[in-house]
PDB file of N, CA and C in Angstrom:
ATOM      1  N   MET A   1     -58.288 -51.878 -35.359  1.00  0.00           N
ATOM      2  CA  MET A   1     -58.531 -53.069 -36.144  1.00  0.00           C
ATOM      3  C   MET A   1     -58.766 -52.655 -37.608  1.00  0.00           C
ATOM      4  N   LYS A   2     -58.061 -53.319 -38.504  1.00  0.00           N
ATOM      5  CA  LYS A   2     -58.181 -53.045 -39.938  1.00  0.00           C
ATOM      6  C   LYS A   2     -59.029 -54.137 -40.599  1.00  0.00           C
ATOM      7  N   ASN A   3     -59.681 -53.793 -41.684  1.00  0.00           N
ATOM      8  CA  ASN A   3     -60.427 -54.787 -42.448  1.00  0.00           C
ATOM      9  C   ASN A   3     -59.476 -55.407 -43.474  1.00  0.00           C
ATOM     10  N   PHE A   4     -59.172 -56.691 -43.304  1.00  0.00           N
ATOM     11  CA  PHE A   4     -58.220 -57.354 -44.195  1.00  0.00           C
ATOM     12  C   PHE A   4     -58.666 -57.319 -45.647  1.00  0.00           C
ATOM     13  N   ARG A   5     -59.976 -57.280 -45.882  1.00  0.00           N
ATOM     14  CA  ARG A   5     -60.486 -57.264 -47.253  1.00  0.00           C
ATOM     15  C   ARG A   5     -60.118 -55.977 -47.994  1.00  0.00           C
ATOM     16  N   ASP A   6     -59.736 -54.947 -47.248  1.00  0.00           N
ATOM     17  CA  ASP A   6     -59.336 -53.678 -47.866  1.00  0.00           C
ATOM     18  C   ASP A   6     -57.895 -53.698 -48.374  1.00  0.00           C
ATOM     19  N   LEU A   7     -57.134 -54.722 -47.990  1.00  0.00           N
ATOM     20  CA  LEU A   7     -55.724 -54.800 -48.387  1.00  0.00           C
ATOM     21  C   LEU A   7     -55.578 -55.540 -49.717  1.00  0.00           C
ATOM     22  N   LYS A   8     -54.934 -54.896 -50.663  1.00  0.00           N
ATOM     23  CA  LYS A   8     -54.701 -55.491 -51.983  1.00  0.00           C
ATOM     24  C   LYS A   8     -53.868 -56.774 -51.851  1.00  0.00           C
ATOM     25  N   VAL A   9     -52.920 -56.786 -50.915  1.00  0.00           N
ATOM     26  CA  VAL A   9     -52.071 -57.971 -50.739  1.00  0.00           C
ATOM     27  C   VAL A   9     -52.905 -59.157 -50.254  1.00  0.00           C
ATOM     28  N   TRP A  10     -53.902 -58.907 -49.404  1.00  0.00           N
ATOM     29  CA  TRP A  10     -54.773 -59.998 -48.978  1.00  0.00           C
ATOM     30  C   TRP A  10     -55.544 -60.544 -50.183  1.00  0.00           C
ATOM     31  N   GLU A  11     -56.074 -59.649 -51.000  1.00  0.00           N
ATOM     32  CA  GLU A  11     -56.831 -60.059 -52.186  1.00  0.00           C
ATOM     33  C   GLU A  11     -55.974 -60.934 -53.105  1.00  0.00           C
ATOM     34  N   LYS A  12     -54.735 -60.499 -53.346  1.00  0.00           N
ATOM     35  CA  LYS A  12     -53.816 -61.270 -54.211  1.00  0.00           C
ATOM     36  C   LYS A  12     -53.497 -62.629 -53.584  1.00  0.00           C
ATOM     37  N   ALA A  13     -53.276 -62.646 -52.268  1.00  0.00           N
ATOM     38  CA  ALA A  13     -52.955 -63.896 -51.577  1.00  0.00           C
ATOM     39  C   ALA A  13     -54.157 -64.849 -51.586  1.00  0.00           C
ATOM     40  N   HIS A  14     -55.333 -64.303 -51.435  1.00  0.00           N
ATOM     41  CA  HIS A  14     -56.564 -65.095 -51.473  1.00  0.00           C
ATOM     42  C   HIS A  14     -56.745 -65.732 -52.856  1.00  0.00           C
ATOM     43  N   GLU A  15     -56.519 -64.950 -53.907  1.00  0.00           N
ATOM     44  CA  GLU A  15     -56.621 -65.470 -55.276  1.00  0.00           C
ATOM     45  C   GLU A  15     -55.559 -66.537 -55.525  1.00  0.00           C
ATOM     46  N   LEU A  16     -54.355 -66.333 -54.992  1.00  0.00           N
ATOM     47  CA  LEU A  16     -53.285 -67.324 -55.117  1.00  0.00           C
ATOM     48  C   LEU A  16     -53.709 -68.638 -54.461  1.00  0.00           C
ATOM     49  N   ALA A  17     -54.284 -68.568 -53.271  1.00  0.00           N
ATOM     50  CA  ALA A  17     -54.713 -69.785 -52.568  1.00  0.00           C
ATOM     51  C   ALA A  17     -55.787 -70.523 -53.372  1.00  0.00           C
ATOM     52  N   LYS A  18     -56.738 -69.787 -53.911  1.00  0.00           N
ATOM     53  CA  LYS A  18     -57.786 -70.433 -54.715  1.00  0.00           C
ATOM     54  C   LYS A  18     -57.197 -71.088 -55.957  1.00  0.00           C
ATOM     55  N   ARG A  19     -56.284 -70.405 -56.614  1.00  0.00           N
ATOM     56  CA  ARG A  19     -55.653 -70.950 -57.832  1.00  0.00           C
ATOM     57  C   ARG A  19     -54.818 -72.185 -57.509  1.00  0.00           C
ATOM     58  N   LEU A  20     -54.154 -72.159 -56.365  1.00  0.00           N
ATOM     59  CA  LEU A  20     -53.348 -73.297 -55.935  1.00  0.00           C
ATOM     60  C   LEU A  20     -54.238 -74.512 -55.693  1.00  0.00           C
ATOM     61  N   TYR A  21     -55.391 -74.304 -55.087  1.00  0.00           N
ATOM     62  CA  TYR A  21     -56.335 -75.412 -54.880  1.00  0.00           C
ATOM     63  C   TYR A  21     -56.738 -76.025 -56.213  1.00  0.00           C
ATOM     64  N   GLN A  22     -57.004 -75.182 -57.197  1.00  0.00           N
ATOM     65  CA  GLN A  22     -57.352 -75.697 -58.529  1.00  0.00           C
ATOM     66  C   GLN A  22     -56.201 -76.517 -59.103  1.00  0.00           C
ATOM     67  N   ALA A  23     -55.006 -75.985 -59.008  1.00  0.00           N
ATOM     68  CA  ALA A  23     -53.834 -76.629 -59.610  1.00  0.00           C
ATOM     69  C   ALA A  23     -53.495 -77.960 -58.957  1.00  0.00           C
ATOM     70  N   THR A  24     -53.758 -78.082 -57.661  1.00  0.00           N
ATOM     71  CA  THR A  24     -53.408 -79.331 -56.965  1.00  0.00           C
ATOM     72  C   THR A  24     -54.535 -80.354 -56.995  1.00  0.00           C
ATOM     73  N   GLY A  25     -55.657 -80.000 -57.578  1.00  0.00           N
ATOM     74  CA  GLY A  25     -56.791 -80.907 -57.650  1.00  0.00           C
ATOM     75  C   GLY A  25     -56.503 -82.181 -58.431  1.00  0.00           C
ATOM     76  N   GLN A  26     -55.540 -82.125 -59.331  1.00  0.00           N
ATOM     77  CA  GLN A  26     -55.203 -83.282 -60.159  1.00  0.00           C
ATOM     78  C   GLN A  26     -53.935 -84.011 -59.684  1.00  0.00           C
ATOM     79  N   PHE A  27     -53.429 -83.636 -58.513  1.00  0.00           N
ATOM     80  CA  PHE A  27     -52.244 -84.316 -57.993  1.00  0.00           C
ATOM     81  C   PHE A  27     -52.578 -85.767 -57.682  1.00  0.00           C
ATOM     82  N   PRO A  28     -51.569 -86.638 -57.670  1.00  0.00           N
ATOM     83  CA  PRO A  28     -51.805 -88.063 -57.370  1.00  0.00           C
ATOM     84  C   PRO A  28     -52.473 -88.251 -56.006  1.00  0.00           C
ATOM     85  N   ALA A  29     -53.355 -89.222 -55.926  1.00  0.00           N
ATOM     86  CA  ALA A  29     -54.093 -89.500 -54.684  1.00  0.00           C
ATOM     87  C   ALA A  29     -53.155 -89.778 -53.514  1.00  0.00           C
ATOM     88  N   GLU A  30     -52.030 -90.429 -53.794  1.00  0.00           N
ATOM     89  CA  GLU A  30     -51.106 -90.753 -52.700  1.00  0.00           C
ATOM     90  C   GLU A  30     -50.443 -89.512 -52.097  1.00  0.00           C
ATOM     91  N   GLU A  31     -50.574 -88.378 -52.771  1.00  0.00           N
ATOM     92  CA  GLU A  31     -50.023 -87.120 -52.249  1.00  0.00           C
ATOM     93  C   GLU A  31     -51.037 -86.307 -51.452  1.00  0.00           C
ATOM     94  N   LYS A  32     -52.255 -86.857 -51.295  1.00  0.00           N
ATOM     95  CA  LYS A  32     -53.318 -86.125 -50.602  1.00  0.00           C
ATOM     96  C   LYS A  32     -52.871 -85.618 -49.232  1.00  0.00           C
ATOM     97  N   PHE A  33     -52.152 -86.445 -48.487  1.00  0.00           N
ATOM     98  CA  PHE A  33     -51.691 -86.058 -47.154  1.00  0.00           C
ATOM     99  C   PHE A  33     -50.217 -85.678 -47.158  1.00  0.00           C
ATOM    100  N   GLY A  34     -49.640 -85.568 -48.342  1.00  0.00           N
ATOM    101  CA  GLY A  34     -48.235 -85.193 -48.471  1.00  0.00           C
ATOM    102  C   GLY A  34     -48.101 -83.807 -49.061  1.00  0.00           C
ATOM    103  N   LEU A  35     -47.551 -83.759 -50.261  1.00  0.00           N
ATOM    104  CA  LEU A  35     -47.249 -82.475 -50.892  1.00  0.00           C
ATOM    105  C   LEU A  35     -48.504 -81.654 -51.179  1.00  0.00           C
ATOM    106  N   THR A  36     -49.588 -82.292 -51.545  1.00  0.00           N
ATOM    107  CA  THR A  36     -50.840 -81.558 -51.799  1.00  0.00           C
ATOM    108  C   THR A  36     -51.254 -80.790 -50.547  1.00  0.00           C
ATOM    109  N   ALA A  37     -51.268 -81.480 -49.417  1.00  0.00           N
ATOM    110  CA  ALA A  37     -51.668 -80.853 -48.153  1.00  0.00           C
ATOM    111  C   ALA A  37     -50.687 -79.748 -47.748  1.00  0.00           C
ATOM    112  N   GLN A  38     -49.404 -79.985 -47.947  1.00  0.00           N
ATOM    113  CA  GLN A  38     -48.392 -78.977 -47.595  1.00  0.00           C
ATOM    114  C   GLN A  38     -48.553 -77.714 -48.427  1.00  0.00           C
ATOM    115  N   LEU A  39     -48.720 -77.895 -49.731  1.00  0.00           N
ATOM    116  CA  LEU A  39     -48.915 -76.738 -50.619  1.00  0.00           C
ATOM    117  C   LEU A  39     -50.154 -75.949 -50.230  1.00  0.00           C
ATOM    118  N   ARG A  40     -51.232 -76.646 -50.013  1.00  0.00           N
ATOM    119  CA  ARG A  40     -52.491 -75.978 -49.673  1.00  0.00           C
ATOM    120  C   ARG A  40     -52.392 -75.257 -48.338  1.00  0.00           C
ATOM    121  N   ARG A  41     -51.775 -75.905 -47.353  1.00  0.00           N
ATOM    122  CA  ARG A  41     -51.634 -75.292 -46.030  1.00  0.00           C
ATOM    123  C   ARG A  41     -50.811 -74.018 -46.125  1.00  0.00           C
ATOM    124  N   ALA A  42     -49.696 -74.067 -46.846  1.00  0.00           N
ATOM    125  CA  ALA A  42     -48.841 -72.884 -46.985  1.00  0.00           C
ATOM    126  C   ALA A  42     -49.576 -71.762 -47.709  1.00  0.00           C
ATOM    127  N   ALA A  43     -50.296 -72.117 -48.775  1.00  0.00           N
ATOM    128  CA  ALA A  43     -51.005 -71.103 -49.555  1.00  0.00           C
ATOM    129  C   ALA A  43     -52.111 -70.436 -48.741  1.00  0.00           C
ATOM    130  N   VAL A  44     -52.861 -71.213 -47.988  1.00  0.00           N
ATOM    131  CA  VAL A  44     -53.954 -70.669 -47.176  1.00  0.00           C
ATOM    132  C   VAL A  44     -53.413 -69.860 -45.999  1.00  0.00           C
ATOM    133  N   SER A  45     -52.259 -70.251 -45.502  1.00  0.00           N
ATOM    134  CA  SER A  45     -51.650 -69.558 -44.377  1.00  0.00           C
ATOM    135  C   SER A  45     -51.321 -68.096 -44.694  1.00  0.00           C
ATOM    136  N   ILE A  46     -51.020 -67.804 -45.947  1.00  0.00           N
ATOM    137  CA  ILE A  46     -50.641 -66.432 -46.320  1.00  0.00           C
ATOM    138  C   ILE A  46     -51.798 -65.458 -46.074  1.00  0.00           C
ATOM    139  N   PRO A  47     -52.963 -65.624 -46.724  1.00  0.00           N
ATOM    140  CA  PRO A  47     -54.052 -64.681 -46.462  1.00  0.00           C
ATOM    141  C   PRO A  47     -54.633 -64.826 -45.050  1.00  0.00           C
ATOM    142  N   ALA A  48     -54.573 -66.029 -44.477  1.00  0.00           N
ATOM    143  CA  ALA A  48     -55.101 -66.221 -43.124  1.00  0.00           C
ATOM    144  C   ALA A  48     -54.310 -65.410 -42.106  1.00  0.00           C
ATOM    145  N   ASN A  49     -52.989 -65.383 -42.236  1.00  0.00           N
ATOM    146  CA  ASN A  49     -52.173 -64.596 -41.319  1.00  0.00           C
ATOM    147  C   ASN A  49     -52.379 -63.102 -41.515  1.00  0.00           C
ATOM    148  N   ILE A  50     -52.587 -62.686 -42.752  1.00  0.00           N
ATOM    149  CA  ILE A  50     -52.892 -61.269 -42.998  1.00  0.00           C
ATOM    150  C   ILE A  50     -54.193 -60.910 -42.282  1.00  0.00           C
ATOM    151  N   ALA A  51     -55.203 -61.762 -42.443  1.00  0.00           N
ATOM    152  CA  ALA A  51     -56.496 -61.515 -41.802  1.00  0.00           C
ATOM    153  C   ALA A  51     -56.364 -61.486 -40.280  1.00  0.00           C
ATOM    154  N   GLU A  52     -55.639 -62.438 -39.729  1.00  0.00           N
ATOM    155  CA  GLU A  52     -55.475 -62.473 -38.279  1.00  0.00           C
ATOM    156  C   GLU A  52     -54.728 -61.244 -37.772  1.00  0.00           C
ATOM    157  N   GLY A  53     -53.694 -60.852 -38.494  1.00  0.00           N
ATOM    158  CA  GLY A  53     -52.942 -59.657 -38.096  1.00  0.00           C
ATOM    159  C   GLY A  53     -53.798 -58.405 -38.106  1.00  0.00           C
ATOM    160  N   CYS A  54     -54.689 -58.320 -39.077  1.00  0.00           N
ATOM    161  CA  CYS A  54     -55.598 -57.159 -39.153  1.00  0.00           C
ATOM    162  C   CYS A  54     -56.569 -57.137 -37.988  1.00  0.00           C
ATOM    163  N   GLY A  55     -56.857 -58.291 -37.426  1.00  0.00           N
ATOM    164  CA  GLY A  55     -57.778 -58.378 -36.301  1.00  0.00           C
ATOM    165  C   GLY A  55     -57.129 -58.057 -34.971  1.00  0.00           C
ATOM    166  N   ARG A  56     -55.838 -57.898 -34.974  1.00  0.00           N
ATOM    167  CA  ARG A  56     -55.110 -57.555 -33.752  1.00  0.00           C
ATOM    168  C   ARG A  56     -55.159 -56.050 -33.533  1.00  0.00           C
ATOM    169  N   GLY A  57     -54.735 -55.636 -32.372  1.00  0.00           N
ATOM    170  CA  GLY A  57     -54.914 -54.239 -31.988  1.00  0.00           C
ATOM    171  C   GLY A  57     -53.849 -53.257 -32.403  1.00  0.00           C
ATOM    172  N   SER A  58     -52.732 -53.736 -32.938  1.00  0.00           N
ATOM    173  CA  SER A  58     -51.650 -52.777 -33.205  1.00  0.00           C
ATOM    174  C   SER A  58     -50.939 -53.082 -34.522  1.00  0.00           C
ATOM    175  N   ASP A  59     -50.263 -52.065 -35.019  1.00  0.00           N
ATOM    176  CA  ASP A  59     -49.443 -52.248 -36.220  1.00  0.00           C
ATOM    177  C   ASP A  59     -48.300 -53.227 -35.955  1.00  0.00           C
ATOM    178  N   ARG A  60     -47.813 -53.243 -34.725  1.00  0.00           N
ATOM    179  CA  ARG A  60     -46.735 -54.173 -34.381  1.00  0.00           C
ATOM    180  C   ARG A  60     -47.213 -55.617 -34.530  1.00  0.00           C
ATOM    181  N   ASP A  61     -48.415 -55.896 -34.018  1.00  0.00           N
ATOM    182  CA  ASP A  61     -48.981 -57.244 -34.170  1.00  0.00           C
ATOM    183  C   ASP A  61     -49.214 -57.567 -35.638  1.00  0.00           C
ATOM    184  N   LEU A  62     -49.761 -56.607 -36.367  1.00  0.00           N
ATOM    185  CA  LEU A  62     -49.982 -56.816 -37.796  1.00  0.00           C
ATOM    186  C   LEU A  62     -48.669 -57.152 -38.493  1.00  0.00           C
ATOM    187  N   GLY A  63     -47.616 -56.406 -38.175  1.00  0.00           N
ATOM    188  CA  GLY A  63     -46.302 -56.653 -38.774  1.00  0.00           C
ATOM    189  C   GLY A  63     -45.799 -58.057 -38.506  1.00  0.00           C
ATOM    190  N   ARG A  64     -46.032 -58.542 -37.282  1.00  0.00           N
ATOM    191  CA  ARG A  64     -45.610 -59.899 -36.918  1.00  0.00           C
ATOM    192  C   ARG A  64     -46.337 -60.941 -37.769  1.00  0.00           C
ATOM    193  N   PHE A  65     -47.631 -60.747 -37.972  1.00  0.00           N
ATOM    194  CA  PHE A  65     -48.404 -61.696 -38.775  1.00  0.00           C
ATOM    195  C   PHE A  65     -48.059 -61.581 -40.258  1.00  0.00           C
ATOM    196  N   LEU A  66     -47.710 -60.394 -40.705  1.00  0.00           N
ATOM    197  CA  LEU A  66     -47.257 -60.242 -42.089  1.00  0.00           C
ATOM    198  C   LEU A  66     -45.942 -60.988 -42.295  1.00  0.00           C
ATOM    199  N   GLN A  67     -45.072 -60.969 -41.275  1.00  0.00           N
ATOM    200  CA  GLN A  67     -43.815 -61.725 -41.354  1.00  0.00           C
ATOM    201  C   GLN A  67     -44.105 -63.228 -41.445  1.00  0.00           C
ATOM    202  N   MET A  68     -45.109 -63.691 -40.719  1.00  0.00           N
ATOM    203  CA  MET A  68     -45.487 -65.108 -40.815  1.00  0.00           C
ATOM    204  C   MET A  68     -46.008 -65.423 -42.217  1.00  0.00           C
ATOM    205  N   SER A  69     -46.770 -64.490 -42.787  1.00  0.00           N
ATOM    206  CA  SER A  69     -47.248 -64.670 -44.159  1.00  0.00           C
ATOM    207  C   SER A  69     -46.081 -64.772 -45.125  1.00  0.00           C
ATOM    208  N   LEU A  70     -45.078 -63.939 -44.911  1.00  0.00           N
ATOM    209  CA  LEU A  70     -43.872 -63.988 -45.761  1.00  0.00           C
ATOM    210  C   LEU A  70     -43.192 -65.351 -45.652  1.00  0.00           C
ATOM    211  N   GLY A  71     -43.107 -65.874 -44.444  1.00  0.00           N
ATOM    212  CA  GLY A  71     -42.511 -67.198 -44.253  1.00  0.00           C
ATOM    213  C   GLY A  71     -43.292 -68.273 -44.988  1.00  0.00           C
ATOM    214  N   SER A  72     -44.611 -68.205 -44.907  1.00  0.00           N
ATOM    215  CA  SER A  72     -45.454 -69.181 -45.612  1.00  0.00           C
ATOM    216  C   SER A  72     -45.307 -69.044 -47.121  1.00  0.00           C
ATOM    217  N   ALA A  73     -45.147 -67.815 -47.606  1.00  0.00           N
ATOM    218  CA  ALA A  73     -44.963 -67.595 -49.045  1.00  0.00           C
ATOM    219  C   ALA A  73     -43.636 -68.188 -49.507  1.00  0.00           C
ATOM    220  N   SER A  74     -42.599 -68.069 -48.697  1.00  0.00           N
ATOM    221  CA  SER A  74     -41.309 -68.674 -49.049  1.00  0.00           C
ATOM    222  C   SER A  74     -41.406 -70.189 -49.046  1.00  0.00           C
ATOM    223  N   GLU A  75     -42.123 -70.731 -48.073  1.00  0.00           N
ATOM    224  CA  GLU A  75     -42.350 -72.180 -48.042  1.00  0.00           C
ATOM    225  C   GLU A  75     -43.094 -72.625 -49.302  1.00  0.00           C
ATOM    226  N   LEU A  76     -44.126 -71.883 -49.671  1.00  0.00           N
ATOM    227  CA  LEU A  76     -44.899 -72.205 -50.866  1.00  0.00           C
ATOM    228  C   LEU A  76     -44.015 -72.168 -52.105  1.00  0.00           C
ATOM    229  N   GLU A  77     -43.146 -71.182 -52.176  1.00  0.00           N
ATOM    230  CA  GLU A  77     -42.234 -71.045 -53.314  1.00  0.00           C
ATOM    231  C   GLU A  77     -41.406 -72.321 -53.493  1.00  0.00           C
ATOM    232  N   TYR A  78     -40.874 -72.839 -52.379  1.00  0.00           N
ATOM    233  CA  TYR A  78     -40.088 -74.078 -52.460  1.00  0.00           C
ATOM    234  C   TYR A  78     -40.965 -75.273 -52.860  1.00  0.00           C
ATOM    235  N   GLU A  79     -42.122 -75.388 -52.240  1.00  0.00           N
ATOM    236  CA  GLU A  79     -42.982 -76.542 -52.518  1.00  0.00           C
ATOM    237  C   GLU A  79     -43.475 -76.545 -53.958  1.00  0.00           C
ATOM    238  N   LEU A  80     -43.685 -75.372 -54.535  1.00  0.00           N
ATOM    239  CA  LEU A  80     -44.041 -75.287 -55.959  1.00  0.00           C
ATOM    240  C   LEU A  80     -42.899 -75.816 -56.821  1.00  0.00           C
ATOM    241  N   LEU A  81     -41.680 -75.441 -56.477  1.00  0.00           N
ATOM    242  CA  LEU A  81     -40.501 -75.924 -57.204  1.00  0.00           C
ATOM    243  C   LEU A  81     -40.411 -77.450 -57.120  1.00  0.00           C
ATOM    244  N   LEU A  82     -40.590 -77.976 -55.926  1.00  0.00           N
ATOM    245  CA  LEU A  82     -40.528 -79.421 -55.733  1.00  0.00           C
ATOM    246  C   LEU A  82     -41.616 -80.128 -56.550  1.00  0.00           C
ATOM    247  N   ALA A  83     -42.848 -79.625 -56.485  1.00  0.00           N
ATOM    248  CA  ALA A  83     -43.950 -80.236 -57.237  1.00  0.00           C
ATOM    249  C   ALA A  83     -43.657 -80.218 -58.735  1.00  0.00           C
ATOM    250  N   HIS A  84     -43.066 -79.128 -59.200  1.00  0.00           N
ATOM    251  CA  HIS A  84     -42.719 -79.030 -60.622  1.00  0.00           C
ATOM    252  C   HIS A  84     -41.639 -80.047 -60.982  1.00  0.00           C
ATOM    253  N   GLU A  85     -40.597 -80.109 -60.166  1.00  0.00           N
ATOM    254  CA  GLU A  85     -39.487 -81.027 -60.452  1.00  0.00           C
ATOM    255  C   GLU A  85     -39.892 -82.492 -60.331  1.00  0.00           C
ATOM    256  N   LEU A  86     -40.926 -82.770 -59.556  1.00  0.00           N
ATOM    257  CA  LEU A  86     -41.437 -84.144 -59.443  1.00  0.00           C
ATOM    258  C   LEU A  86     -42.445 -84.468 -60.541  1.00  0.00           C
ATOM    259  N   GLY A  87     -42.710 -83.498 -61.406  1.00  0.00           N
ATOM    260  CA  GLY A  87     -43.608 -83.721 -62.527  1.00  0.00           C
ATOM    261  C   GLY A  87     -45.089 -83.595 -62.192  1.00  0.00           C
ATOM    262  N   MET A  88     -45.401 -83.023 -61.057  1.00  0.00           N
ATOM    263  CA  MET A  88     -46.805 -82.865 -60.666  1.00  0.00           C
ATOM    264  C   MET A  88     -47.405 -81.557 -61.165  1.00  0.00           C
ATOM    265  N   LEU A  89     -46.550 -80.582 -61.411  1.00  0.00           N
ATOM    266  CA  LEU A  89     -47.020 -79.280 -61.889  1.00  0.00           C
ATOM    267  C   LEU A  89     -46.430 -79.006 -63.258  1.00  0.00           C
ATOM    268  N   ASP A  90     -47.266 -78.761 -64.203  1.00  0.00           N
ATOM    269  CA  ASP A  90     -46.879 -78.370 -65.554  1.00  0.00           C
ATOM    270  C   ASP A  90     -46.047 -77.076 -65.483  1.00  0.00           C
ATOM    271  N   GLY A  91     -45.152 -76.904 -66.438  1.00  0.00           N
ATOM    272  CA  GLY A  91     -44.264 -75.744 -66.449  1.00  0.00           C
ATOM    273  C   GLY A  91     -44.984 -74.413 -66.442  1.00  0.00           C
ATOM    274  N   ASN A  92     -46.048 -74.294 -67.232  1.00  0.00           N
ATOM    275  CA  ASN A  92     -46.793 -73.029 -67.288  1.00  0.00           C
ATOM    276  C   ASN A  92     -47.509 -72.731 -65.977  1.00  0.00           C
ATOM    277  N   VAL A  93     -48.076 -73.758 -65.368  1.00  0.00           N
ATOM    278  CA  VAL A  93     -48.772 -73.574 -64.091  1.00  0.00           C
ATOM    279  C   VAL A  93     -47.764 -73.219 -63.006  1.00  0.00           C
ATOM    280  N   HIS A  94     -46.624 -73.912 -63.019  1.00  0.00           N
ATOM    281  CA  HIS A  94     -45.574 -73.606 -62.046  1.00  0.00           C
ATOM    282  C   HIS A  94     -45.129 -72.155 -62.177  1.00  0.00           C
ATOM    283  N   GLU A  95     -44.903 -71.720 -63.398  1.00  0.00           N
ATOM    284  CA  GLU A  95     -44.466 -70.341 -63.632  1.00  0.00           C
ATOM    285  C   GLU A  95     -45.515 -69.348 -63.142  1.00  0.00           C
ATOM    286  N   GLU A  96     -46.781 -69.596 -63.481  1.00  0.00           N
ATOM    287  CA  GLU A  96     -47.863 -68.695 -63.056  1.00  0.00           C
ATOM    288  C   GLU A  96     -47.935 -68.594 -61.532  1.00  0.00           C
ATOM    289  N   LEU A  97     -47.948 -69.739 -60.857  1.00  0.00           N
ATOM    290  CA  LEU A  97     -48.065 -69.742 -59.403  1.00  0.00           C
ATOM    291  C   LEU A  97     -46.828 -69.141 -58.739  1.00  0.00           C
ATOM    292  N   SER A  98     -45.668 -69.395 -59.309  1.00  0.00           N
ATOM    293  CA  SER A  98     -44.438 -68.812 -58.769  1.00  0.00           C
ATOM    294  C   SER A  98     -44.443 -67.292 -58.908  1.00  0.00           C
ATOM    295  N   GLU A  99     -44.900 -66.803 -60.060  1.00  0.00           N
ATOM    296  CA  GLU A  99     -44.982 -65.355 -60.261  1.00  0.00           C
ATOM    297  C   GLU A  99     -45.971 -64.717 -59.300  1.00  0.00           C
ATOM    298  N   ARG A 100     -47.102 -65.364 -59.097  1.00  0.00           N
ATOM    299  CA  ARG A 100     -48.089 -64.842 -58.142  1.00  0.00           C
ATOM    300  C   ARG A 100     -47.512 -64.811 -56.730  1.00  0.00           C
ATOM    301  N   THR A 101     -46.788 -65.864 -56.375  1.00  0.00           N
ATOM    302  CA  THR A 101     -46.181 -65.942 -55.050  1.00  0.00           C
ATOM    303  C   THR A 101     -45.146 -64.839 -54.868  1.00  0.00           C
ATOM    304  N   THR A 102     -44.321 -64.624 -55.871  1.00  0.00           N
ATOM    305  CA  THR A 102     -43.310 -63.555 -55.811  1.00  0.00           C
ATOM    306  C   THR A 102     -43.966 -62.188 -55.668  1.00  0.00           C
ATOM    307  N   GLU A 103     -45.051 -61.971 -56.394  1.00  0.00           N
ATOM    308  CA  GLU A 103     -45.766 -60.693 -56.297  1.00  0.00           C
ATOM    309  C   GLU A 103     -46.302 -60.478 -54.876  1.00  0.00           C
ATOM    310  N   VAL A 104     -46.886 -61.499 -54.295  1.00  0.00           N
ATOM    311  CA  VAL A 104     -47.405 -61.397 -52.935  1.00  0.00           C
ATOM    312  C   VAL A 104     -46.266 -61.139 -51.960  1.00  0.00           C
ATOM    313  N   LYS A 105     -45.144 -61.820 -52.133  1.00  0.00           N
ATOM    314  CA  LYS A 105     -43.990 -61.599 -51.253  1.00  0.00           C
ATOM    315  C   LYS A 105     -43.505 -60.159 -51.328  1.00  0.00           C
ATOM    316  N   ARG A 106     -43.434 -59.608 -52.530  1.00  0.00           N
ATOM    317  CA  ARG A 106     -43.012 -58.213 -52.683  1.00  0.00           C
ATOM    318  C   ARG A 106     -43.970 -57.260 -51.971  1.00  0.00           C
ATOM    319  N   MET A 107     -45.263 -57.515 -52.152  1.00  0.00           N
ATOM    320  CA  MET A 107     -46.273 -56.666 -51.523  1.00  0.00           C
ATOM    321  C   MET A 107     -46.205 -56.767 -49.997  1.00  0.00           C
ATOM    322  N   LEU A 108     -46.022 -57.969 -49.488  1.00  0.00           N
ATOM    323  CA  LEU A 108     -45.904 -58.158 -48.043  1.00  0.00           C
ATOM    324  C   LEU A 108     -44.676 -57.430 -47.494  1.00  0.00           C
ATOM    325  N   ALA A 109     -43.547 -57.593 -48.169  1.00  0.00           N
ATOM    326  CA  ALA A 109     -42.310 -56.934 -47.717  1.00  0.00           C
ATOM    327  C   ALA A 109     -42.480 -55.421 -47.706  1.00  0.00           C
ATOM    328  N   SER A 110     -43.132 -54.901 -48.708  1.00  0.00           N
ATOM    329  CA  SER A 110     -43.371 -53.458 -48.790  1.00  0.00           C
ATOM    330  C   SER A 110     -44.262 -52.987 -47.640  1.00  0.00           C
ATOM    331  N   LEU A 111     -45.299 -53.741 -47.339  1.00  0.00           N
ATOM    332  CA  LEU A 111     -46.195 -53.374 -46.253  1.00  0.00           C
ATOM    333  C   LEU A 111     -45.495 -53.460 -44.900  1.00  0.00           C
ATOM    334  N   VAL A 112     -44.670 -54.480 -44.717  1.00  0.00           N
ATOM    335  CA  VAL A 112     -43.902 -54.609 -43.467  1.00  0.00           C
ATOM    336  C   VAL A 112     -42.988 -53.403 -43.299  1.00  0.00           C
ATOM    337  N   LYS A 113     -42.299 -53.039 -44.376  1.00  0.00           N
ATOM    338  CA  LYS A 113     -41.380 -51.894 -44.332  1.00  0.00           C
ATOM    339  C   LYS A 113     -42.160 -50.604 -44.000  1.00  0.00           C
ATOM    340  N   LYS A 114     -43.317 -50.453 -44.580  1.00  0.00           N
ATOM    341  CA  LYS A 114     -44.155 -49.271 -44.323  1.00  0.00           C
ATOM    342  C   LYS A 114     -44.569 -49.221 -42.861  1.00  0.00           C
ATOM    343  N   LEU A 115     -44.976 -50.358 -42.306  1.00  0.00           N
ATOM    344  CA  LEU A 115     -45.367 -50.408 -40.892  1.00  0.00           C
ATOM    345  C   LEU A 115     -44.193 -50.098 -39.983  1.00  0.00           C
ATOM    346  N   GLU A 116     -43.027 -50.628 -40.319  1.00  0.00           N
ATOM    347  CA  GLU A 116     -41.839 -50.403 -39.499  1.00  0.00           C
ATOM    348  C   GLU A 116     -41.387 -48.949 -39.508  1.00  0.00           C
ATOM    349  N   SER A 117     -41.619 -48.270 -40.621  1.00  0.00           N
ATOM    350  CA  SER A 117     -41.205 -46.862 -40.723  1.00  0.00           C
ATOM    351  C   SER A 117     -42.253 -45.930 -40.099  1.00  0.00           C
ATOM    352  N   GLY A 118     -43.418 -46.494 -39.753  1.00  0.00           N
ATOM    353  CA  GLY A 118     -44.462 -45.692 -39.142  1.00  0.00           C
ATOM    354  C   GLY A 118     -45.273 -44.854 -40.102  1.00  0.00           C
ATOM    355  N   SER A 119     -45.140 -45.133 -41.396  1.00  0.00           N
ATOM    356  CA  SER A 119     -45.872 -44.351 -42.403  1.00  0.00           C
ATOM    357  C   SER A 119     -47.298 -44.809 -42.515  1.00  0.00           C
TER     358      SER A 119
END
């Protein structure tokens, strides 16, 4: 069992989720159960899956949960684009969150590759 707090990718994903919550705080009320909820769920799913994978007994299980985190990060990437194009996310905020998401995706992919190679 690994401590998820020791992983830099978890830390980055956790910060991304917190920042996303801040950014969606001003979304229209009618989106509370729509895009706001979808964005938040996807963002929280990334560090949550990393944490759950670390609590499992093997690198194989961890790798599976990291893949789920990658899927959630890709979902978040799309939802950020949609929120921006619908005028809910300012251009600078969209760019910042997209860059953070891309960084987390790169880190996740690298960790998955490392686990698969047995290093």
